[in-house]
PDB file of N, CA and C in Angstrom:
ATOM      1  N   MET A   1     101.173  80.561  91.973  1.00  0.00           N
ATOM      2  CA  MET A   1     101.139  81.114  93.119  1.00  0.00           C
ATOM      3  C   MET A   1      99.482  80.630  93.995  1.00  0.00           C
ATOM      4  N   ASP A   2      98.513  80.348  92.394  1.00  0.00           N
ATOM      5  CA  ASP A   2      97.369  79.595  93.099  1.00  0.00           C
ATOM      6  C   ASP A   2      97.808  78.058  93.449  1.00  0.00           C
ATOM      7  N   GLU A   3      98.207  77.701  93.219  1.00  0.00           N
ATOM      8  CA  GLU A   3      98.894  76.201  93.667  1.00  0.00           C
ATOM      9  C   GLU A   3      99.077  76.386  95.026  1.00  0.00           C
ATOM     10  N   VAL A   4     100.100  76.912  95.298  1.00  0.00           N
ATOM     11  CA  VAL A   4     100.283  77.433  96.806  1.00  0.00           C
ATOM     12  C   VAL A   4      99.556  77.499  97.649  1.00  0.00           C
ATOM     13  N   SER A   5      98.776  78.694  96.767  1.00  0.00           N
ATOM     14  CA  SER A   5      97.438  78.884  97.875  1.00  0.00           C
ATOM     15  C   SER A   5      96.612  77.734  97.941  1.00  0.00           C
ATOM     16  N   LEU A   6      96.393  77.248  97.385  1.00  0.00           N
ATOM     17  CA  LEU A   6      95.445  75.921  97.224  1.00  0.00           C
ATOM     18  C   LEU A   6      95.993  74.756  98.292  1.00  0.00           C
ATOM     19  N   LYS A   7      97.299  74.594  98.286  1.00  0.00           N
ATOM     20  CA  LYS A   7      97.711  73.660  99.078  1.00  0.00           C
ATOM     21  C   LYS A   7      97.552  73.955 100.833  1.00  0.00           C
ATOM     22  N   LEU A   8      98.330  75.414 100.925  1.00  0.00           N
ATOM     23  CA  LEU A   8      97.922  76.265 102.039  1.00  0.00           C
ATOM     24  C   LEU A   8      96.393  75.657 102.754  1.00  0.00           C
ATOM     25  N   CYS A   9      95.532  75.877 101.850  1.00  0.00           N
ATOM     26  CA  CYS A   9      94.308  75.454 102.236  1.00  0.00           C
ATOM     27  C   CYS A   9      94.047  74.507 102.698  1.00  0.00           C
ATOM     28  N   GLU A  10      94.295  73.268 101.829  1.00  0.00           N
ATOM     29  CA  GLU A  10      94.016  71.868 101.967  1.00  0.00           C
ATOM     30  C   GLU A  10      94.836  71.544 103.484  1.00  0.00           C
ATOM     31  N   TYR A  11      96.257  72.232 103.514  1.00  0.00           N
ATOM     32  CA  TYR A  11      96.828  71.922 104.464  1.00  0.00           C
ATOM     33  C   TYR A  11      96.198  72.017 105.771  1.00  0.00           C
ATOM     34  N   LEU A  12      95.507  73.357 106.087  1.00  0.00           N
ATOM     35  CA  LEU A  12      94.638  73.674 107.380  1.00  0.00           C
ATOM     36  C   LEU A  12      93.736  73.035 107.262  1.00  0.00           C
ATOM     37  N   GLN A  13      93.098  72.802 106.196  1.00  0.00           N
ATOM     38  CA  GLN A  13      91.769  71.932 106.230  1.00  0.00           C
ATOM     39  C   GLN A  13      91.748  70.619 106.947  1.00  0.00           C
ATOM     40  N   ASN A  14      93.135  69.799 106.510  1.00  0.00           N
ATOM     41  CA  ASN A  14      93.347  68.533 106.855  1.00  0.00           C
ATOM     42  C   ASN A  14      94.016  68.456 108.437  1.00  0.00           C
ATOM     43  N   ALA A  15      94.372  69.783 108.679  1.00  0.00           N
ATOM     44  CA  ALA A  15      95.023  69.659 110.204  1.00  0.00           C
ATOM     45  C   ALA A  15      94.428  70.099 111.155  1.00  0.00           C
ATOM     46  N   LEU A  16      93.332  71.087 110.777  1.00  0.00           N
ATOM     47  CA  LEU A  16      92.342  71.214 111.892  1.00  0.00           C
ATOM     48  C   LEU A  16      90.987  70.260 111.677  1.00  0.00           C
ATOM     49  N   TYR A  17      90.333  69.462 110.516  1.00  0.00           N
ATOM     50  CA  TYR A  17      89.686  68.809 110.811  1.00  0.00           C
ATOM     51  C   TYR A  17      89.651  67.627 110.969  1.00  0.00           C
ATOM     52  N   PRO A  18      88.965  67.288 112.151  1.00  0.00           N
ATOM     53  CA  PRO A  18      87.582  67.058 112.778  1.00  0.00           C
ATOM     54  C   PRO A  18      87.781  67.732 114.129  1.00  0.00           C
ATOM     55  N   LYS A  19      89.079  68.054 114.598  1.00  0.00           N
ATOM     56  CA  LYS A  19      89.546  67.946 116.148  1.00  0.00           C
ATOM     57  C   LYS A  19      88.956  69.729 116.368  1.00  0.00           C
ATOM     58  N   TYR A  20      89.320  70.862 115.484  1.00  0.00           N
ATOM     59  CA  TYR A  20      88.640  71.782 115.528  1.00  0.00           C
ATOM     60  C   TYR A  20      87.716  72.935 114.963  1.00  0.00           C
ATOM     61  N   ILE A  21      87.261  72.189 113.737  1.00  0.00           N
ATOM     62  CA  ILE A  21      86.197  72.728 112.865  1.00  0.00           C
ATOM     63  C   ILE A  21      85.095  71.386 112.324  1.00  0.00           C
ATOM     64  N   HIS A  22      84.000  71.925 111.903  1.00  0.00           N
ATOM     65  CA  HIS A  22      83.088  70.825 111.784  1.00  0.00           C
ATOM     66  C   HIS A  22      83.078  70.099 110.493  1.00  0.00           C
ATOM     67  N   SER A  23      83.952  71.117 109.445  1.00  0.00           N
ATOM     68  CA  SER A  23      83.900  70.539 108.015  1.00  0.00           C
ATOM     69  C   SER A  23      84.718  71.284 107.240  1.00  0.00           C
ATOM     70  N   LYS A  24      85.629  70.644 106.383  1.00  0.00           N
ATOM     71  CA  LYS A  24      86.454  71.414 105.893  1.00  0.00           C
ATOM     72  C   LYS A  24      86.386  72.177 105.310  1.00  0.00           C
ATOM     73  N   GLU A  25      84.849  72.936 104.541  1.00  0.00           N
ATOM     74  CA  GLU A  25      84.508  73.969 104.195  1.00  0.00           C
ATOM     75  C   GLU A  25      84.191  75.203 104.644  1.00  0.00           C
ATOM     76  N   ASP A  26      84.830  75.352 105.800  1.00  0.00           N
ATOM     77  CA  ASP A  26      84.651  76.246 107.467  1.00  0.00           C
ATOM     78  C   ASP A  26      86.207  76.910 106.671  1.00  0.00           C
ATOM     79  N   VAL A  27      87.394  76.240 106.170  1.00  0.00           N
ATOM     80  CA  VAL A  27      88.695  77.044 105.764  1.00  0.00           C
ATOM     81  C   VAL A  27      88.626  76.889 104.447  1.00  0.00           C
ATOM     82  N   CYS A  28      88.526  78.334 103.845  1.00  0.00           N
ATOM     83  CA  CYS A  28      88.812  78.724 102.445  1.00  0.00           C
ATOM     84  C   CYS A  28      89.581  80.177 102.282  1.00  0.00           C
ATOM     85  N   LEU A  29      90.149  80.002 100.893  1.00  0.00           N
ATOM     86  CA  LEU A  29      90.054  81.082 100.362  1.00  0.00           C
ATOM     87  C   LEU A  29      89.458  82.176 100.250  1.00  0.00           C
ATOM     88  N   THR A  30      89.843  83.608 100.993  1.00  0.00           N
ATOM     89  CA  THR A  30      88.747  84.539 100.764  1.00  0.00           C
ATOM     90  C   THR A  30      89.314  86.010 101.034  1.00  0.00           C
ATOM     91  N   ALA A  31      88.725  87.082 101.142  1.00  0.00           N
ATOM     92  CA  ALA A  31      88.920  88.180 101.374  1.00  0.00           C
ATOM     93  C   ALA A  31      88.144  88.804 102.277  1.00  0.00           C
ATOM     94  N   PRO A  32      88.333  89.016 103.241  1.00  0.00           N
ATOM     95  CA  PRO A  32      87.709  89.621 104.356  1.00  0.00           C
ATOM     96  C   PRO A  32      86.753  90.632 104.093  1.00  0.00           C
ATOM     97  N   TYR A  33      86.675  91.300 102.868  1.00  0.00           N
ATOM     98  CA  TYR A  33      85.765  92.432 102.595  1.00  0.00           C
ATOM     99  C   TYR A  33      84.694  91.782 101.656  1.00  0.00           C
ATOM    100  N   GLU A  34      84.339  90.278 101.148  1.00  0.00           N
ATOM    101  CA  GLU A  34      83.752  89.903 100.126  1.00  0.00           C
ATOM    102  C   GLU A  34      82.685  89.588 101.298  1.00  0.00           C
ATOM    103  N   SER A  35      81.248  90.096 100.655  1.00  0.00           N
ATOM    104  CA  SER A  35      80.306  90.174 101.149  1.00  0.00           C
ATOM    105  C   SER A  35      79.276  88.717 101.574  1.00  0.00           C
ATOM    106  N   ASP A  36      79.716  87.477 100.975  1.00  0.00           N
ATOM    107  CA  ASP A  36      79.230  86.398 101.077  1.00  0.00           C
ATOM    108  C   ASP A  36      79.861  85.761 102.076  1.00  0.00           C
ATOM    109  N   GLN A  37      80.442  85.525 103.113  1.00  0.00           N
ATOM    110  CA  GLN A  37      81.303  84.963 104.051  1.00  0.00           C
ATOM    111  C   GLN A  37      80.395  83.757 104.645  1.00  0.00           C
ATOM    112  N   ASP A  38      80.631  82.540 104.276  1.00  0.00           N
ATOM    113  CA  ASP A  38      80.159  81.426 104.715  1.00  0.00           C
ATOM    114  C   ASP A  38      81.309  80.327 105.466  1.00  0.00           C
ATOM    115  N   TYR A  39      82.201  81.053 106.123  1.00  0.00           N
ATOM    116  CA  TYR A  39      83.321  80.059 106.676  1.00  0.00           C
ATOM    117  C   TYR A  39      83.816  80.356 108.190  1.00  0.00           C
ATOM    118  N   ARG A  40      84.603  79.894 108.630  1.00  0.00           N
ATOM    119  CA  ARG A  40      85.360  79.958 109.999  1.00  0.00           C
ATOM    120  C   ARG A  40      86.801  80.785 109.948  1.00  0.00           C
ATOM    121  N   ILE A  41      87.149  80.428 108.924  1.00  0.00           N
ATOM    122  CA  ILE A  41      89.079  80.382 109.105  1.00  0.00           C
ATOM    123  C   ILE A  41      88.756  80.651 107.506  1.00  0.00           C
ATOM    124  N   GLY A  42      89.529  82.274 106.952  1.00  0.00           N
ATOM    125  CA  GLY A  42      90.188  82.616 106.010  1.00  0.00           C
ATOM    126  C   GLY A  42      91.612  82.810 105.689  1.00  0.00           C
ATOM    127  N   ILE A  43      91.398  82.897 104.277  1.00  0.00           N
ATOM    128  CA  ILE A  43      93.162  82.577 103.771  1.00  0.00           C
ATOM    129  C   ILE A  43      93.028  83.590 102.853  1.00  0.00           C
ATOM    130  N   MET A  44      93.884  84.576 103.092  1.00  0.00           N
ATOM    131  CA  MET A  44      93.957  85.769 101.814  1.00  0.00           C
ATOM    132  C   MET A  44      95.663  86.070 101.900  1.00  0.00           C
ATOM    133  N   MET A  45      96.267  85.959 100.662  1.00  0.00           N
ATOM    134  CA  MET A  45      97.550  86.242 100.107  1.00  0.00           C
ATOM    135  C   MET A  45      97.434  87.916 100.253  1.00  0.00           C
ATOM    136  N   TYR A  46      98.212  88.630 100.871  1.00  0.00           N
ATOM    137  CA  TYR A  46      98.552  90.146 100.625  1.00  0.00           C
ATOM    138  C   TYR A  46      99.585  90.636 100.324  1.00  0.00           C
ATOM    139  N   ASP A  47     100.272  89.702 100.114  1.00  0.00           N
ATOM    140  CA  ASP A  47     101.622  90.548  99.305  1.00  0.00           C
ATOM    141  C   ASP A  47     102.405  89.425  98.706  1.00  0.00           C
ATOM    142  N   MET A  48     103.612  89.933  97.476  1.00  0.00           N
ATOM    143  CA  MET A  48     104.413  89.061  97.174  1.00  0.00           C
ATOM    144  C   MET A  48     105.333  89.864  96.923  1.00  0.00           C
ATOM    145  N   SER A  49     106.338  89.207  96.987  1.00  0.00           N
ATOM    146  CA  SER A  49     107.922  90.093  96.211  1.00  0.00           C
ATOM    147  C   SER A  49     108.768  88.957  95.788  1.00  0.00           C
ATOM    148  N   GLY A  50     109.515  89.678  95.406  1.00  0.00           N
ATOM    149  CA  GLY A  50     110.400  88.870  94.476  1.00  0.00           C
ATOM    150  C   GLY A  50     111.637  88.566  95.016  1.00  0.00           C
ATOM    151  N   MET A  51     112.772  87.827  94.998  1.00  0.00           N
ATOM    152  CA  MET A  51     113.625  87.656  95.625  1.00  0.00           C
ATOM    153  C   MET A  51     115.186  87.606  94.704  1.00  0.00           C
ATOM    154  N   PRO A  52     115.551  88.624  93.835  1.00  0.00           N
ATOM    155  CA  PRO A  52     116.431  88.972  93.152  1.00  0.00           C
ATOM    156  C   PRO A  52     117.912  88.201  93.603  1.00  0.00           C
ATOM    157  N   PHE A  53     118.291  88.349  94.725  1.00  0.00           N
ATOM    158  CA  PHE A  53     119.101  87.781  95.044  1.00  0.00           C
ATOM    159  C   PHE A  53     119.205  86.061  94.882  1.00  0.00           C
ATOM    160  N   LEU A  54     118.135  85.632  94.619  1.00  0.00           N
ATOM    161  CA  LEU A  54     118.554  84.231  94.414  1.00  0.00           C
ATOM    162  C   LEU A  54     118.752  83.733  92.631  1.00  0.00           C
ATOM    163  N   GLN A  55     118.515  85.063  91.950  1.00  0.00           N
ATOM    164  CA  GLN A  55     118.251  84.779  90.540  1.00  0.00           C
ATOM    165  C   GLN A  55     119.683  84.941  90.123  1.00  0.00           C
ATOM    166  N   HIS A  56     120.667  84.117  90.405  1.00  0.00           N
ATOM    167  CA  HIS A  56     121.479  84.387  89.950  1.00  0.00           C
ATOM    168  C   HIS A  56     122.015  83.069  88.778  1.00  0.00           C
ATOM    169  N   HIS A  57     122.527  83.503  87.699  1.00  0.00           N
ATOM    170  CA  HIS A  57     122.626  82.749  86.343  1.00  0.00           C
ATOM    171  C   HIS A  57     123.786  81.937  86.044  1.00  0.00           C
ATOM    172  N   TYR A  58     124.186  81.258  85.671  1.00  0.00           N
ATOM    173  CA  TYR A  58     125.235  80.112  85.903  1.00  0.00           C
ATOM    174  C   TYR A  58     124.928  79.699  84.041  1.00  0.00           C
ATOM    175  N   LYS A  59     126.191  79.169  83.853  1.00  0.00           N
ATOM    176  CA  LYS A  59     126.752  78.335  82.622  1.00  0.00           C
ATOM    177  C   LYS A  59     126.069  76.569  82.839  1.00  0.00           C
ATOM    178  N   ASP A  60     125.888  76.307  81.713  1.00  0.00           N
ATOM    179  CA  ASP A  60     125.811  74.936  81.488  1.00  0.00           C
ATOM    180  C   ASP A  60     126.970  74.638  80.644  1.00  0.00           C
ATOM    181  N   GLU A  61     126.933  72.908  80.580  1.00  0.00           N
ATOM    182  CA  GLU A  61     128.338  72.699  79.525  1.00  0.00           C
ATOM    183  C   GLU A  61     128.170  73.510  77.938  1.00  0.00           C
ATOM    184  N   GLY A  62     127.309  73.091  77.410  1.00  0.00           N
ATOM    185  CA  GLY A  62     127.024  73.837  76.308  1.00  0.00           C
ATOM    186  C   GLY A  62     127.454  75.553  76.220  1.00  0.00           C
ATOM    187  N   GLN A  63     127.732  75.957  77.495  1.00  0.00           N
ATOM    188  CA  GLN A  63     128.041  77.339  77.622  1.00  0.00           C
ATOM    189  C   GLN A  63     126.982  78.368  77.324  1.00  0.00           C
ATOM    190  N   ASN A  64     125.815  77.751  77.527  1.00  0.00           N
ATOM    191  CA  ASN A  64     124.326  78.434  77.328  1.00  0.00           C
ATOM    192  C   ASN A  64     123.867  78.994  78.953  1.00  0.00           C
ATOM    193  N   ILE A  65     124.017  80.372  78.862  1.00  0.00           N
ATOM    194  CA  ILE A  65     123.444  80.727  79.846  1.00  0.00           C
ATOM    195  C   ILE A  65     122.171  80.282  80.587  1.00  0.00           C
ATOM    196  N   ARG A  66     122.115  79.928  81.996  1.00  0.00           N
ATOM    197  CA  ARG A  66     120.654  79.381  82.610  1.00  0.00           C
ATOM    198  C   ARG A  66     120.270  80.310  83.358  1.00  0.00           C
ATOM    199  N   TYR A  67     119.274  80.713  83.780  1.00  0.00           N
ATOM    200  CA  TYR A  67     118.607  80.729  85.163  1.00  0.00           C
ATOM    201  C   TYR A  67     117.750  80.084  85.672  1.00  0.00           C
ATOM    202  N   PRO A  68     117.620  80.124  86.733  1.00  0.00           N
ATOM    203  CA  PRO A  68     116.830  79.146  87.932  1.00  0.00           C
ATOM    204  C   PRO A  68     115.390  79.768  87.849  1.00  0.00           C
ATOM    205  N   PRO A  69     114.531  78.838  88.283  1.00  0.00           N
ATOM    206  CA  PRO A  69     113.419  79.565  88.474  1.00  0.00           C
ATOM    207  C   PRO A  69     113.126  80.194  89.301  1.00  0.00           C
ATOM    208  N   GLN A  70     112.087  81.562  89.001  1.00  0.00           N
ATOM    209  CA  GLN A  70     111.573  82.716  89.665  1.00  0.00           C
ATOM    210  C   GLN A  70     111.531  82.269  91.288  1.00  0.00           C
ATOM    211  N   SER A  71     112.209  82.928  92.070  1.00  0.00           N
ATOM    212  CA  SER A  71     111.707  82.767  93.329  1.00  0.00           C
ATOM    213  C   SER A  71     111.001  83.525  93.993  1.00  0.00           C
ATOM    214  N   VAL A  72     110.019  83.457  94.794  1.00  0.00           N
ATOM    215  CA  VAL A  72     109.015  84.853  95.632  1.00  0.00           C
ATOM    216  C   VAL A  72     108.886  84.441  96.659  1.00  0.00           C
ATOM    217  N   GLU A  73     108.251  85.722  97.839  1.00  0.00           N
ATOM    218  CA  GLU A  73     108.066  85.374  98.791  1.00  0.00           C
ATOM    219  C   GLU A  73     106.400  85.429  98.782  1.00  0.00           C
ATOM    220  N   LEU A  74     105.995  84.579  99.391  1.00  0.00           N
ATOM    221  CA  LEU A  74     104.252  85.358  99.480  1.00  0.00           C
ATOM    222  C   LEU A  74     103.961  85.329 101.194  1.00  0.00           C
ATOM    223  N   PHE A  75     103.245  86.230 101.141  1.00  0.00           N
ATOM    224  CA  PHE A  75     102.694  86.497 102.686  1.00  0.00           C
ATOM    225  C   PHE A  75     100.941  86.319 102.860  1.00  0.00           C
ATOM    226  N   TYR A  76     100.662  85.635 103.427  1.00  0.00           N
ATOM    227  CA  TYR A  76      99.044  85.299 103.670  1.00  0.00           C
ATOM    228  C   TYR A  76      98.850  86.116 105.382  1.00  0.00           C
ATOM    229  N   VAL A  77      97.570  86.059 104.940  1.00  0.00           N
ATOM    230  CA  VAL A  77      96.846  86.700 106.376  1.00  0.00           C
ATOM    231  C   VAL A  77      96.092  85.606 106.465  1.00  0.00           C
ATOM    232  N   ILE A  78      95.947  84.861 107.787  1.00  0.00           N
ATOM    233  CA  ILE A  78      94.947  84.099 108.044  1.00  0.00           C
ATOM    234  C   ILE A  78      94.008  84.203 109.242  1.00  0.00           C
ATOM    235  N   TYR A  79      92.557  84.598 109.183  1.00  0.00           N
ATOM    236  CA  TYR A  79      91.738  85.295 109.768  1.00  0.00           C
ATOM    237  C   TYR A  79      90.701  84.542 110.402  1.00  0.00           C
ATOM    238  N   LEU A  80      89.911  84.823 111.534  1.00  0.00           N
ATOM    239  CA  LEU A  80      88.496  84.384 112.052  1.00  0.00           C
ATOM    240  C   LEU A  80      87.540  84.783 111.692  1.00  0.00           C
TER     241      LEU A  80
END
């Protein structure tokens, strides 16, 4: 989940710089209640839920039961 959050932050930095923000550091992963806030756009993951309906197991050629990777939904809030 860290990698997804970092990629989202990187995507927004590249999409908004230089047209809408002066520095890529103006977009960061943070929480709105943190006291040291030196950014223009904050990103925070506020919820995560599993997707069990995508967790169907199957048998491979050797009749071993296989499970796909865990699927989750990540919810973010982006604030100014």
